[in-house]
Amino acid sequence: MLVRMPVDAPQRSADRPRTLVCNREGVWLWPGTPLTERRGGTISALPKSTIYDRITKLHGPAAIYSMVVPCVDHAAALLPDGQVERAQESLDRARLPLVTPDELESDANKVRIPYYKHRDISDFYDTPNDKYDDLSPREYLRGKSWNEQYQFGLDTMRNFGVLK
């Protein structure tokens, strides 16, 4: 069960999965929708209208009253300097409306993957790998944070050519 954050809450609850994440490359909306773009050594937020369009598809129309755009701008400014943790803290303060487990699992939030590509990815997740101390990625990820699992999934889909 997810916990609704109070409006004045400075940080996200550990029980509430992140829908905004970042890495050194940019800011993403779950399940892999970019909210920033990289040009040379800079990372910039996409236009405000694009961010709101993407955010409201997941979080609903109430998301336009959140602090998401300034938080994405701030996170984008921190990322070129390698300040990923501070950028994530900024995103966690966006005060986006709660997303329920049903909304996270809705068809609107799934990535279409060709059948054989899905099988390849599933095989990858089930096969022991030297990179993970002879554990399968699925075993390796067990007990990791939602954010780590999410980022791993994005990276895997990029490595398999499903996402850019």
Protein backbone atom coordinates (compact mmCIF):
# COMPACT_ATOMS: atom_id res chain seq x y z
CA MET A 1 0.00 0.00 0.00
CA LEU A 2 1.28 3.47 -0.89
CA VAL A 3 1.21 6.34 1.57
CA ARG A 4 -0.03 9.79 0.51
CA MET A 5 2.55 12.45 1.37
CA PRO A 6 1.39 15.55 3.24
CA VAL A 7 1.58 18.70 1.11
CA ASP A 8 4.39 20.17 3.20
CA ALA A 9 6.45 16.98 3.30
CA PRO A 10 10.04 17.75 2.29
CA GLN A 11 10.87 14.23 1.14
CA ARG A 12 9.18 11.19 -0.29
CA SER A 13 8.04 8.39 1.99
CA ALA A 14 10.01 5.17 1.71
CA ASP A 15 6.67 3.40 1.13
CA ARG A 16 5.92 5.50 -1.95
CA PRO A 17 7.65 4.41 -5.15
CA ARG A 18 9.41 7.06 -7.17
CA THR A 19 7.97 8.00 -10.51
CA LEU A 20 10.67 10.61 -11.15
CA VAL A 21 14.24 9.36 -11.23
CA CYS A 22 17.55 10.63 -12.49
CA ASN A 23 20.99 9.44 -13.36
CA ARG A 24 24.03 11.19 -14.83
CA GLU A 25 22.26 11.25 -18.20
CA GLY A 26 19.03 13.03 -17.25
CA VAL A 27 15.63 12.94 -15.57
CA TRP A 28 13.05 10.24 -16.36
CA LEU A 29 9.40 9.64 -15.66
CA TRP A 30 8.50 6.00 -14.98
CA PRO A 31 8.74 3.75 -17.07
CA GLY A 32 11.46 5.50 -19.09
CA THR A 33 10.03 8.71 -20.50
CA PRO A 34 12.68 11.46 -20.68
CA LEU A 35 11.96 14.87 -19.14
CA THR A 36 15.35 16.32 -20.05
CA GLU A 37 17.68 16.36 -23.01
CA ARG A 38 21.44 16.42 -23.24
CA ARG A 39 23.21 18.80 -25.58
CA GLY A 40 26.94 18.62 -25.33
CA GLY A 41 27.87 18.97 -21.68
CA THR A 42 24.56 20.45 -20.56
CA ILE A 43 21.31 18.82 -19.51
CA SER A 44 18.17 20.88 -20.00
CA ALA A 45 14.56 20.33 -19.01
CA LEU A 46 12.20 19.77 -21.90
CA PRO A 47 9.64 22.54 -22.53
CA LYS A 48 7.20 23.07 -19.68
CA SER A 49 4.23 22.00 -21.82
CA THR A 50 5.98 18.71 -22.73
CA ILE A 51 6.78 17.95 -19.09
CA TYR A 52 3.20 18.63 -18.00
CA ASP A 53 1.83 16.55 -20.86
CA ARG A 54 3.98 13.57 -19.86
CA ILE A 55 3.48 13.97 -16.11
CA THR A 56 -0.31 14.28 -16.30
CA LYS A 57 -0.60 11.05 -18.27
CA LEU A 58 0.69 9.20 -15.22
CA HIS A 59 -0.27 11.44 -12.31
CA GLY A 60 -3.49 12.96 -13.65
CA PRO A 61 -4.46 16.60 -14.19
CA ALA A 62 -3.74 17.59 -10.58
CA ALA A 63 -0.02 17.27 -11.40
CA ILE A 64 -0.08 20.72 -13.03
CA TYR A 65 -0.33 22.15 -9.50
CA SER A 66 2.84 20.36 -8.38
CA MET A 67 6.39 21.70 -8.26
CA VAL A 68 7.51 19.28 -10.96
CA VAL A 69 8.86 21.79 -13.52
CA PRO A 70 11.08 23.74 -11.09
CA CYS A 71 12.26 20.46 -9.57
CA VAL A 72 13.18 19.02 -13.00
CA ASP A 73 14.95 22.30 -13.88
CA HIS A 74 16.92 22.19 -10.62
CA ALA A 75 17.81 18.50 -11.04
CA ALA A 76 18.93 19.10 -14.65
CA ALA A 77 21.26 21.88 -13.46
CA LEU A 78 22.87 19.58 -10.86
CA LEU A 79 23.43 16.53 -13.07
CA PRO A 80 26.30 17.80 -15.29
CA ASP A 81 28.34 18.28 -12.11
CA GLY A 82 27.66 14.67 -11.08
CA GLN A 83 25.37 15.65 -8.20
CA VAL A 84 22.94 12.81 -8.80
CA GLU A 85 21.87 12.38 -5.17
CA ARG A 86 21.07 16.10 -4.76
CA ALA A 87 19.20 16.04 -8.08
CA GLN A 88 17.13 13.06 -6.88
CA GLU A 89 16.38 14.88 -3.62
CA SER A 90 15.06 17.79 -5.68
CA LEU A 91 12.82 15.46 -7.69
CA ASP A 92 11.52 13.86 -4.49
CA ARG A 93 10.22 17.29 -3.45
CA ALA A 94 8.03 17.71 -6.56
CA ARG A 95 4.87 16.89 -4.56
CA LEU A 96 3.26 14.96 -7.37
CA PRO A 97 -0.18 13.43 -6.72
CA LEU A 98 -0.18 9.87 -5.46
CA VAL A 99 -0.01 7.12 -8.05
CA THR A 100 -1.72 3.92 -6.95
CA PRO A 101 -0.40 0.44 -7.75
CA ASP A 102 -3.29 0.05 -10.22
CA GLU A 103 -2.18 3.18 -12.04
CA LEU A 104 1.43 2.00 -12.13
CA GLU A 105 0.29 -1.28 -13.68
CA SER A 106 -2.16 0.30 -16.13
CA ASP A 107 -1.77 -0.28 -19.86
CA ALA A 108 -0.84 3.40 -20.29
CA ASN A 109 2.36 2.78 -18.33
CA LYS A 110 3.62 -0.31 -20.06
CA VAL A 111 6.23 -0.42 -22.75
CA ARG A 112 5.29 -2.46 -25.83
CA ILE A 113 8.01 -5.02 -26.48
CA PRO A 114 8.04 -7.49 -29.36
CA TYR A 115 7.47 -11.06 -28.20
CA TYR A 116 10.96 -12.38 -29.01
CA LYS A 117 12.64 -9.31 -27.48
CA HIS A 118 10.59 -9.90 -24.30
CA ARG A 119 11.77 -13.52 -24.25
CA ASP A 120 15.40 -12.39 -24.65
CA ILE A 121 15.04 -9.97 -21.74
CA SER A 122 13.30 -12.59 -19.58
CA ASP A 123 16.07 -15.09 -20.37
CA PHE A 124 18.65 -12.45 -19.41
CA TYR A 125 16.91 -11.87 -16.05
CA ASP A 126 16.85 -15.63 -15.34
CA THR A 127 20.41 -16.53 -16.38
CA PRO A 128 23.28 -16.47 -13.84
CA ASN A 129 25.84 -13.86 -14.78
CA ASP A 130 29.49 -13.38 -13.76
CA LYS A 131 28.82 -9.65 -13.48
CA TYR A 132 26.49 -10.35 -10.54
CA ASP A 133 28.62 -12.93 -8.69
CA ASP A 134 27.03 -15.83 -10.60
CA LEU A 135 23.52 -14.72 -9.59
CA SER A 136 20.82 -14.10 -12.14
CA PRO A 137 19.86 -10.42 -12.46
CA ARG A 138 16.51 -11.33 -10.88
CA GLU A 139 18.30 -12.79 -7.83
CA TYR A 140 20.78 -9.92 -7.76
CA LEU A 141 17.96 -7.34 -7.67
CA ARG A 142 16.04 -9.08 -4.88
CA GLY A 143 16.05 -6.76 -1.87
CA LYS A 144 17.36 -3.76 -3.83
CA SER A 145 15.44 -0.49 -3.66
CA TRP A 146 12.62 0.25 -6.07
CA ASN A 147 14.78 2.96 -7.63
CA GLU A 148 17.70 0.56 -8.23
CA GLN A 149 15.38 -2.04 -9.78
CA TYR A 150 13.74 0.62 -11.93
CA GLN A 151 17.09 1.97 -13.17
CA PHE A 152 18.34 -1.55 -13.86
CA GLY A 153 15.20 -2.24 -15.90
CA LEU A 154 15.64 0.94 -17.95
CA ASP A 155 19.29 0.12 -18.61
CA THR A 156 18.37 -3.43 -19.62
CA MET A 157 15.69 -2.24 -22.04
CA ARG A 158 18.19 0.21 -23.56
CA ASN A 159 20.83 -2.53 -23.87
CA PHE A 160 18.29 -4.71 -25.69
CA GLY A 161 17.28 -1.85 -27.99
CA VAL A 162 13.74 -1.44 -26.62
CA LEU A 163 14.34 2.14 -25.36
CA LYS A 164 16.70 4.81 -26.60
